[in-house]
Each structure stands twice: as structure tokens, then as C-alpha cells.
Amino acid sequence: MPKPIKKRRVISKRKAVKSKTAKHKARNRGTAPAPRPSTTIQRPTPEEEAAFTEALIESGQAARLDKEGKLPAGATHKIVEDEAGNVKVVRRRFSIA
């Protein structure tokens, strides 16, 4: 005699998705929402800018352009001076190493 076939409850995909969402909402109910990231940009202070520039120059990552207008190997920033004699570094390329 053949075995009787068990009836399975068929759930549509739509109901399955709803049930997962309902479980997720029930689990997270009562918790505070995540804080939103700040949209204000914090600018570095002049002291921080000067320290960063000095560090780039000392490590060899900032250099002046050569006669052909190219940066030496390993340099990622070029050194630029304005009319007042202030030194500024400008990013020119990325270092892969």
C-alpha cells in the first residue's frame, strides 16, 4: 500500500517576504533610529595645514616641478608659491605603493 502524501502549506513569495519584513520590524521596534552623518565640512586650522605641508615636504611626497614640468618619482604633490611667498601643496597624482 502506498504511503499517504502529506499536505504542505504553500506560502506565496509575497507573503514570505512580508513575514520576514514584519519580523524585522518587530525585532527593531522601540529602538532609536541611527544618527544621520554630519553634512558640515570641518576645515583644518592654519597650524594643521602648515604641519601637513611640512610633513609632505620632509617625506619627499611634495616636490617642485623639474625643467620639463614633471614631478620626480615618488612625489604626489607639487609645491606652489604665491606672490606673498606662502608655500602651498597641490595634489597631482596618487601613489600606488
Foldseek 3Di string as FASTA:
>chain_A
DDDDDDDDDDDDPVVVVVVVVVVVCVVCPPDDDDDDDDPDDDDDDPVVQVVVVVVCVVVVQEEAADPVRHRDPNHQWYWDADPVGDIDTDGDHDDPD
